C-alpha atoms as a PDB file:
ATOM      1  CA  UNK A   1     104.107  84.559 121.660  1.00  0.00           C
ATOM      2  CA  UNK A   2     101.028  85.474 123.220  1.00  0.00           C
ATOM      3  CA  UNK A   3      99.021  83.559 120.502  1.00  0.00           C
ATOM      4  CA  UNK A   4     100.789  80.193 120.019  1.00  0.00           C
ATOM      5  CA  UNK A   5     100.980  79.961 123.859  1.00  0.00           C
ATOM      6  CA  UNK A   6      97.355  80.379 124.594  1.00  0.00           C
ATOM      7  CA  UNK A   7      95.159  80.015 121.485  1.00  0.00           C
ATOM      8  CA  UNK A   8      95.163  76.426 122.810  1.00  0.00           C
ATOM      9  CA  UNK A   9      93.681  77.278 125.959  1.00  0.00           C
ATOM     10  CA  UNK A  10      90.746  79.119 124.890  1.00  0.00           C
ATOM     11  CA  UNK A  11      90.236  77.522 122.004  1.00  0.00           C
ATOM     12  CA  UNK A  12      86.907  75.381 122.757  1.00  0.00           C
ATOM     13  CA  UNK A  13      85.446  77.983 124.667  1.00  0.00           C
ATOM     14  CA  UNK A  14      84.607  80.532 121.387  1.00  0.00           C
ATOM     15  CA  UNK A  15      83.516  79.792 117.963  1.00  0.00           C
ATOM     16  CA  UNK A  16      84.529  83.092 116.359  1.00  0.00           C
ATOM     17  CA  UNK A  17      87.790  84.961 116.283  1.00  0.00           C
ATOM     18  CA  UNK A  18      88.138  88.402 115.795  1.00  0.00           C
ATOM     19  CA  UNK A  19      91.988  89.299 115.291  1.00  0.00           C
ATOM     20  CA  UNK A  20      93.930  92.730 114.941  1.00  0.00           C
ATOM     21  CA  UNK A  21      96.912  91.851 112.418  1.00  0.00           C
ATOM     22  CA  UNK A  22      99.295  94.355 112.575  1.00  0.00           C
ATOM     23  CA  UNK A  23     101.210  92.726 116.108  1.00  0.00           C
ATOM     24  CA  UNK A  24      98.757  90.070 116.474  1.00  0.00           C
ATOM     25  CA  UNK A  25      99.583  87.795 113.294  1.00  0.00           C
ATOM     26  CA  UNK A  26     102.627  89.609 111.279  1.00  0.00           C
ATOM     27  CA  UNK A  27     105.117  92.433 112.199  1.00  0.00           C
ATOM     28  CA  UNK A  28     104.899  94.488 108.909  1.00  0.00           C
ATOM     29  CA  UNK A  29     107.382  92.140 106.892  1.00  0.00           C
ATOM     30  CA  UNK A  30     106.576  88.426 108.495  1.00  0.00           C
ATOM     31  CA  UNK A  31     103.833  86.478 109.824  1.00  0.00           C
ATOM     32  CA  UNK A  32     104.632  85.939 113.551  1.00  0.00           C
ATOM     33  CA  UNK A  33     106.328  82.344 114.158  1.00  0.00           C
ATOM     34  CA  UNK A  34     103.588  79.624 114.898  1.00  0.00           C
ATOM     35  CA  UNK A  35     100.584  82.261 113.597  1.00  0.00           C
ATOM     36  CA  UNK A  36     100.032  79.313 110.180  1.00  0.00           C
ATOM     37  CA  UNK A  37      99.734  76.642 112.374  1.00  0.00           C
ATOM     38  CA  UNK A  38      97.456  78.213 114.664  1.00  0.00           C
ATOM     39  CA  UNK A  39      95.214  79.657 112.086  1.00  0.00           C
ATOM     40  CA  UNK A  40      95.031  75.264 110.730  1.00  0.00           C
ATOM     41  CA  UNK A  41      94.645  74.601 114.188  1.00  0.00           C
ATOM     42  CA  UNK A  42      91.349  76.744 114.580  1.00  0.00           C
ATOM     43  CA  UNK A  43      89.979  76.305 111.008  1.00  0.00           C
ATOM     44  CA  UNK A  44      89.727  72.354 111.902  1.00  0.00           C
ATOM     45  CA  UNK A  45      88.203  73.144 115.406  1.00  0.00           C
ATOM     46  CA  UNK A  46      85.484  74.765 112.534  1.00  0.00           C
ATOM     47  CA  UNK A  47      85.776  77.978 114.326  1.00  0.00           C
ATOM     48  CA  UNK A  48      85.448  81.741 112.166  1.00  0.00           C
ATOM     49  CA  UNK A  49      87.841  83.963 111.894  1.00  0.00           C
ATOM     50  CA  UNK A  50      88.065  87.920 110.963  1.00  0.00           C
ATOM     51  CA  UNK A  51      90.931  89.815 111.124  1.00  0.00           C
ATOM     52  CA  UNK A  52      90.568  93.764 111.951  1.00  0.00           C
ATOM     53  CA  UNK A  53      93.083  95.840 110.712  1.00  0.00           C
ATOM     54  CA  UNK A  54      92.835  99.608 111.627  1.00  0.00           C
ATOM     55  CA  UNK A  55      94.671  99.850 107.691  1.00  0.00           C
ATOM     56  CA  UNK A  56      93.292 102.668 105.908  1.00  0.00           C
ATOM     57  CA  UNK A  57      92.976 100.109 102.300  1.00  0.00           C
ATOM     58  CA  UNK A  58      90.753  98.065 101.339  1.00  0.00           C
ATOM     59  CA  UNK A  59      90.812  94.286 102.323  1.00  0.00           C
ATOM     60  CA  UNK A  60      91.797  92.800  99.113  1.00  0.00           C
ATOM     61  CA  UNK A  61      95.239  94.728  99.286  1.00  0.00           C
ATOM     62  CA  UNK A  62      95.939  93.413 103.352  1.00  0.00           C
ATOM     63  CA  UNK A  63      94.520  89.927 101.906  1.00  0.00           C
ATOM     64  CA  UNK A  64      97.458  90.205  99.334  1.00  0.00           C
ATOM     65  CA  UNK A  65     100.138  90.819 101.960  1.00  0.00           C
ATOM     66  CA  UNK A  66      98.615  88.643 104.371  1.00  0.00           C
ATOM     67  CA  UNK A  67      99.071  85.696 101.268  1.00  0.00           C
ATOM     68  CA  UNK A  68     102.450  86.760 100.500  1.00  0.00           C
ATOM     69  CA  UNK A  69     103.376  85.516 104.584  1.00  0.00           C
ATOM     70  CA  UNK A  70     101.209  82.528 103.675  1.00  0.00           C
ATOM     71  CA  UNK A  71      98.394  83.339 105.375  1.00  0.00           C
ATOM     72  CA  UNK A  72      95.737  82.244 102.103  1.00  0.00           C
ATOM     73  CA  UNK A  73      92.089  82.973 102.583  1.00  0.00           C
ATOM     74  CA  UNK A  74      91.378  79.052 103.381  1.00  0.00           C
ATOM     75  CA  UNK A  75      92.981  80.472 106.457  1.00  0.00           C
ATOM     76  CA  UNK A  76      89.956  83.419 107.917  1.00  0.00           C
ATOM     77  CA  UNK A  77      86.401  83.995 106.901  1.00  0.00           C
ATOM     78  CA  UNK A  78      87.052  87.554 106.402  1.00  0.00           C
ATOM     79  CA  UNK A  79      88.868  91.231 106.782  1.00  0.00           C
ATOM     80  CA  UNK A  80      87.921  93.697 107.938  1.00  0.00           C
ATOM     81  CA  UNK A  81      90.018  97.357 107.834  1.00  0.00           C
ATOM     82  CA  UNK A  82      89.374 101.081 108.181  1.00  0.00           C
ATOM     83  CA  UNK A  83      89.235 101.461 104.525  1.00  0.00           C
ATOM     84  CA  UNK A  84      86.805  98.615 103.287  1.00  0.00           C
ATOM     85  CA  UNK A  85      84.374 100.669 106.299  1.00  0.00           C
ATOM     86  CA  UNK A  86      85.262 103.852 104.959  1.00  0.00           C
ATOM     87  CA  UNK A  87      84.377 102.148 101.304  1.00  0.00           C
ATOM     88  CA  UNK A  88      81.413 100.780 101.637  1.00  0.00           C
ATOM     89  CA  UNK A  89      80.102 103.727 104.004  1.00  0.00           C
ATOM     90  CA  UNK A  90      80.398 105.893 100.872  1.00  0.00           C
ATOM     91  CA  UNK A  91      79.172 103.618  98.523  1.00  0.00           C
ATOM     92  CA  UNK A  92      76.494 103.232 100.689  1.00  0.00           C
ATOM     93  CA  UNK A  93      76.065 107.417 100.057  1.00  0.00           C
ATOM     94  CA  UNK A  94      75.833 106.371  96.044  1.00  0.00           C
ATOM     95  CA  UNK A  95      72.657 104.135  96.810  1.00  0.00           C
ATOM     96  CA  UNK A  96      71.366 107.005  98.935  1.00  0.00           C
ATOM     97  CA  UNK A  97      72.642 109.853  98.188  1.00  0.00           C
ATOM     98  CA  UNK A  98      71.095 112.360 101.648  1.00  0.00           C
ATOM     99  CA  UNK A  99      72.691 108.917 103.680  1.00  0.00           C
ATOM    100  CA  UNK A 100      75.743 111.624 104.258  1.00  0.00           C
ATOM    101  CA  UNK A 101      73.197 114.718 103.825  1.00  0.00           C
ATOM    102  CA  UNK A 102      71.305 113.025 106.866  1.00  0.00           C
ATOM    103  CA  UNK A 103      73.884 112.351 109.439  1.00  0.00           C
ATOM    104  CA  UNK A 104      75.671 115.921 108.210  1.00  0.00           C
ATOM    105  CA  UNK A 105      73.351 118.557 107.884  1.00  0.00           C
ATOM    106  CA  UNK A 106      74.667 119.652 105.235  1.00  0.00           C
ATOM    107  CA  UNK A 107      75.104 118.088 101.259  1.00  0.00           C
ATOM    108  CA  UNK A 108      77.970 116.437 100.060  1.00  0.00           C
ATOM    109  CA  UNK A 109      78.829 116.319  96.357  1.00  0.00           C
ATOM    110  CA  UNK A 110      81.270 113.783  94.432  1.00  0.00           C
ATOM    111  CA  UNK A 111      84.678 115.936  95.658  1.00  0.00           C
ATOM    112  CA  UNK A 112      86.883 114.920  98.062  1.00  0.00           C
ATOM    113  CA  UNK A 113      90.640 116.076  99.241  1.00  0.00           C
ATOM    114  CA  UNK A 114      92.919 113.275 100.043  1.00  0.00           C
ATOM    115  CA  UNK A 115      95.638 113.597 102.527  1.00  0.00           C
ATOM    116  CA  UNK A 116      98.180 110.434 102.092  1.00  0.00           C
ATOM    117  CA  UNK A 117     100.433 108.067 101.084  1.00  0.00           C
ATOM    118  CA  UNK A 118      99.977 107.407  96.878  1.00  0.00           C
ATOM    119  CA  UNK A 119     100.120 103.723  97.952  1.00  0.00           C
ATOM    120  CA  UNK A 120      96.885 104.453  99.754  1.00  0.00           C
ATOM    121  CA  UNK A 121      95.186 106.969  97.493  1.00  0.00           C
ATOM    122  CA  UNK A 122      93.032 103.924  95.019  1.00  0.00           C
ATOM    123  CA  UNK A 123      90.954 104.324  98.473  1.00  0.00           C
ATOM    124  CA  UNK A 124      87.733 105.037  96.252  1.00  0.00           C
ATOM    125  CA  UNK A 125      88.882 103.036  93.204  1.00  0.00           C
ATOM    126  CA  UNK A 126      85.360 102.078  91.950  1.00  0.00           C
ATOM    127  CA  UNK A 127      83.115 104.932  93.081  1.00  0.00           C
ATOM    128  CA  UNK A 128      82.170 107.685  92.271  1.00  0.00           C
ATOM    129  CA  UNK A 129      83.743 110.056  94.015  1.00  0.00           C
ATOM    130  CA  UNK A 130      86.788 112.347  92.255  1.00  0.00           C
ATOM    131  CA  UNK A 131      89.779 113.578  94.327  1.00  0.00           C
ATOM    132  CA  UNK A 132      90.706 117.735  94.235  1.00  0.00           C
ATOM    133  CA  UNK A 133      93.313 119.505  94.856  1.00  0.00           C
ATOM    134  CA  UNK A 134      91.577 122.016  95.998  1.00  0.00           C
ATOM    135  CA  UNK A 135      90.147 121.426  99.511  1.00  0.00           C
ATOM    136  CA  UNK A 136      87.965 124.403  99.042  1.00  0.00           C
ATOM    137  CA  UNK A 137      85.673 122.204  96.132  1.00  0.00           C
ATOM    138  CA  UNK A 138      86.044 119.799  98.687  1.00  0.00           C
ATOM    139  CA  UNK A 139      82.924 118.110 100.523  1.00  0.00           C
ATOM    140  CA  UNK A 140      84.475 116.089 102.563  1.00  0.00           C
ATOM    141  CA  UNK A 141      88.337 115.167 102.983  1.00  0.00           C
ATOM    142  CA  UNK A 142      90.181 111.361 103.354  1.00  0.00           C
ATOM    143  CA  UNK A 143      92.919 111.512 105.906  1.00  0.00           C
ATOM    144  CA  UNK A 144      94.903 108.199 105.029  1.00  0.00           C
ATOM    145  CA  UNK A 145      98.167 108.901 106.700  1.00  0.00           C
ATOM    146  CA  UNK A 146     101.228 110.762 105.465  1.00  0.00           C
ATOM    147  CA  UNK A 147     104.237 109.614 103.506  1.00  0.00           C
ATOM    148  CA  UNK A 148     106.770 109.918 106.103  1.00  0.00           C
ATOM    149  CA  UNK A 149     107.469 111.422 109.384  1.00  0.00           C
ATOM    150  CA  UNK A 150     108.327 115.156 107.930  1.00  0.00           C
ATOM    151  CA  UNK A 151     105.214 114.949 106.085  1.00  0.00           C
ATOM    152  CA  UNK A 152     103.058 117.927 106.794  1.00  0.00           C
END
Protein backbone atom coordinates (compact mmCIF):
# COMPACT_ATOMS: atom_id res chain seq x y z
CA UNK A 1 0.00 0.00 0.00
CA UNK A 2 1.34 3.43 -0.93
CA UNK A 3 0.48 5.06 2.41
CA UNK A 4 2.30 2.41 4.44
CA UNK A 5 5.34 2.17 2.17
CA UNK A 6 5.98 5.88 1.85
CA UNK A 7 4.83 7.62 5.02
CA UNK A 8 7.94 6.67 7.01
CA UNK A 9 10.15 8.06 4.25
CA UNK A 10 8.60 11.52 4.40
CA UNK A 11 7.31 11.79 7.98
CA UNK A 12 10.29 13.78 9.26
CA UNK A 13 9.85 16.41 6.53
CA UNK A 14 6.38 17.57 7.59
CA UNK A 15 4.54 18.65 10.73
CA UNK A 16 1.05 18.44 9.22
CA UNK A 17 -0.60 15.68 7.23
CA UNK A 18 -3.90 16.21 5.41
CA UNK A 19 -5.18 12.82 4.36
CA UNK A 20 -8.18 11.89 2.28
CA UNK A 21 -10.24 9.15 3.89
CA UNK A 22 -11.99 6.93 1.36
CA UNK A 23 -9.40 5.21 -0.82
CA UNK A 24 -6.46 6.31 1.35
CA UNK A 25 -7.41 5.32 4.89
CA UNK A 26 -10.13 2.76 4.14
CA UNK A 27 -11.90 0.98 1.30
CA UNK A 28 -15.42 1.86 2.41
CA UNK A 29 -15.68 -1.12 4.74
CA UNK A 30 -12.31 -1.64 6.41
CA UNK A 31 -9.18 0.34 7.22
CA UNK A 32 -6.38 -0.61 4.89
CA UNK A 33 -3.72 -2.89 6.32
CA UNK A 34 -1.04 -0.91 8.14
CA UNK A 35 -2.98 2.37 8.31
CA UNK A 36 -3.59 2.27 12.07
CA UNK A 37 0.07 1.49 12.71
CA UNK A 38 1.24 4.31 10.44
CA UNK A 39 -1.12 6.80 12.06
CA UNK A 40 0.23 5.75 15.46
CA UNK A 41 3.76 6.24 14.09
CA UNK A 42 2.93 9.78 12.96
CA UNK A 43 1.37 10.59 16.33
CA UNK A 44 4.46 9.28 18.16
CA UNK A 45 6.46 11.77 16.10
CA UNK A 46 4.10 14.53 17.23
CA UNK A 47 2.58 15.06 13.79
CA UNK A 48 -0.75 16.81 13.25
CA UNK A 49 -3.26 14.85 11.21
CA UNK A 50 -6.38 16.14 9.47
CA UNK A 51 -8.74 13.84 7.62
CA UNK A 52 -10.36 15.49 4.62
CA UNK A 53 -13.42 14.08 2.89
CA UNK A 54 -16.01 15.06 0.33
CA UNK A 55 -18.58 13.08 2.34
CA UNK A 56 -21.87 15.03 2.49
CA UNK A 57 -22.27 14.43 6.21
CA UNK A 58 -21.13 15.96 9.46
CA UNK A 59 -17.65 15.14 10.72
CA UNK A 60 -18.98 13.41 13.83
CA UNK A 61 -20.71 10.79 11.65
CA UNK A 62 -17.45 10.14 9.81
CA UNK A 63 -15.64 9.88 13.15
CA UNK A 64 -18.04 7.09 14.17
CA UNK A 65 -17.32 5.19 10.95
CA UNK A 66 -13.57 5.55 11.51
CA UNK A 67 -13.92 4.46 15.14
CA UNK A 68 -15.69 1.30 13.98
CA UNK A 69 -12.69 0.63 11.73
CA UNK A 70 -10.26 0.96 14.64
CA UNK A 71 -9.25 4.56 13.97
CA UNK A 72 -10.02 6.42 17.18
CA UNK A 73 -9.89 10.14 17.86
CA UNK A 74 -6.41 9.73 19.36
CA UNK A 75 -5.05 9.08 15.85
CA UNK A 76 -6.02 12.43 14.31
CA UNK A 77 -6.62 16.06 15.22
CA UNK A 78 -9.78 16.76 13.27
CA UNK A 79 -11.96 15.77 10.35
CA UNK A 80 -13.27 18.19 7.75
CA UNK A 81 -16.00 16.98 5.41
CA UNK A 82 -17.88 18.82 2.71
CA UNK A 83 -20.97 18.32 4.86
CA UNK A 84 -19.28 19.96 7.85
CA UNK A 85 -18.14 22.88 5.68
CA UNK A 86 -21.72 23.32 4.44
CA UNK A 87 -23.08 23.19 7.98
CA UNK A 88 -20.58 25.79 9.20
CA UNK A 89 -21.26 28.05 6.22
CA UNK A 90 -25.01 27.98 6.81
CA UNK A 91 -24.50 28.42 10.55
CA UNK A 92 -22.58 31.61 9.75
CA UNK A 93 -25.65 32.80 7.86
CA UNK A 94 -27.75 32.29 10.99
CA UNK A 95 -25.29 34.46 12.92
CA UNK A 96 -25.31 37.10 10.16
CA UNK A 97 -28.54 36.70 8.13
CA UNK A 98 -27.11 38.84 5.34
CA UNK A 99 -24.07 36.53 4.87
CA UNK A 100 -25.53 34.56 1.94
CA UNK A 101 -27.46 37.51 0.58
CA UNK A 102 -24.19 39.45 0.24
CA UNK A 103 -22.71 36.57 -1.75
CA UNK A 104 -25.70 35.81 -3.95
CA UNK A 105 -27.57 39.14 -4.17
CA UNK A 106 -30.71 37.21 -3.18
CA UNK A 107 -32.42 37.05 0.19
CA UNK A 108 -32.14 33.64 1.84
CA UNK A 109 -34.92 32.43 4.09
CA UNK A 110 -35.12 29.30 6.19
CA UNK A 111 -36.53 26.82 3.65
CA UNK A 112 -34.45 24.46 1.54
CA UNK A 113 -35.15 21.63 -0.88
CA UNK A 114 -33.27 18.40 -0.13
CA UNK A 115 -32.05 15.95 -2.76
CA UNK A 116 -30.30 12.89 -1.43
CA UNK A 117 -30.51 9.67 0.53
CA UNK A 118 -32.29 9.61 3.88
CA UNK A 119 -29.00 8.77 5.66
CA UNK A 120 -27.72 12.29 4.91
CA UNK A 121 -30.98 14.19 5.37
CA UNK A 122 -29.90 15.29 8.86
CA UNK A 123 -27.03 17.40 7.51
CA UNK A 124 -28.56 20.69 8.71
CA UNK A 125 -29.99 19.28 11.95
CA UNK A 126 -29.48 21.79 14.74
CA UNK A 127 -29.76 24.79 12.46
CA UNK A 128 -32.92 26.82 11.94
CA UNK A 129 -33.40 25.80 8.31
CA UNK A 130 -36.41 23.70 7.38
CA UNK A 131 -36.73 21.26 4.47
CA UNK A 132 -39.65 21.70 2.13
CA UNK A 133 -41.11 19.23 -0.36
CA UNK A 134 -41.94 22.13 -2.69
CA UNK A 135 -38.83 23.38 -4.48
CA UNK A 136 -40.63 26.64 -5.35
CA UNK A 137 -40.77 27.51 -1.65
CA UNK A 138 -37.04 26.94 -1.09
CA UNK A 139 -34.31 29.55 -1.00
CA UNK A 140 -31.66 26.94 -1.75
CA UNK A 141 -31.10 23.28 -2.57
CA UNK A 142 -29.02 20.85 -0.54
CA UNK A 143 -27.95 17.95 -2.78
CA UNK A 144 -25.95 15.20 -1.09
CA UNK A 145 -26.19 12.49 -3.73
CA UNK A 146 -28.60 9.80 -4.78
CA UNK A 147 -30.13 6.77 -3.09
CA UNK A 148 -28.75 4.48 -5.80
CA UNK A 149 -27.56 4.56 -9.38
CA UNK A 150 -31.16 4.61 -10.65
CA UNK A 151 -32.17 7.77 -8.75
CA UNK A 152 -33.20 10.83 -10.73
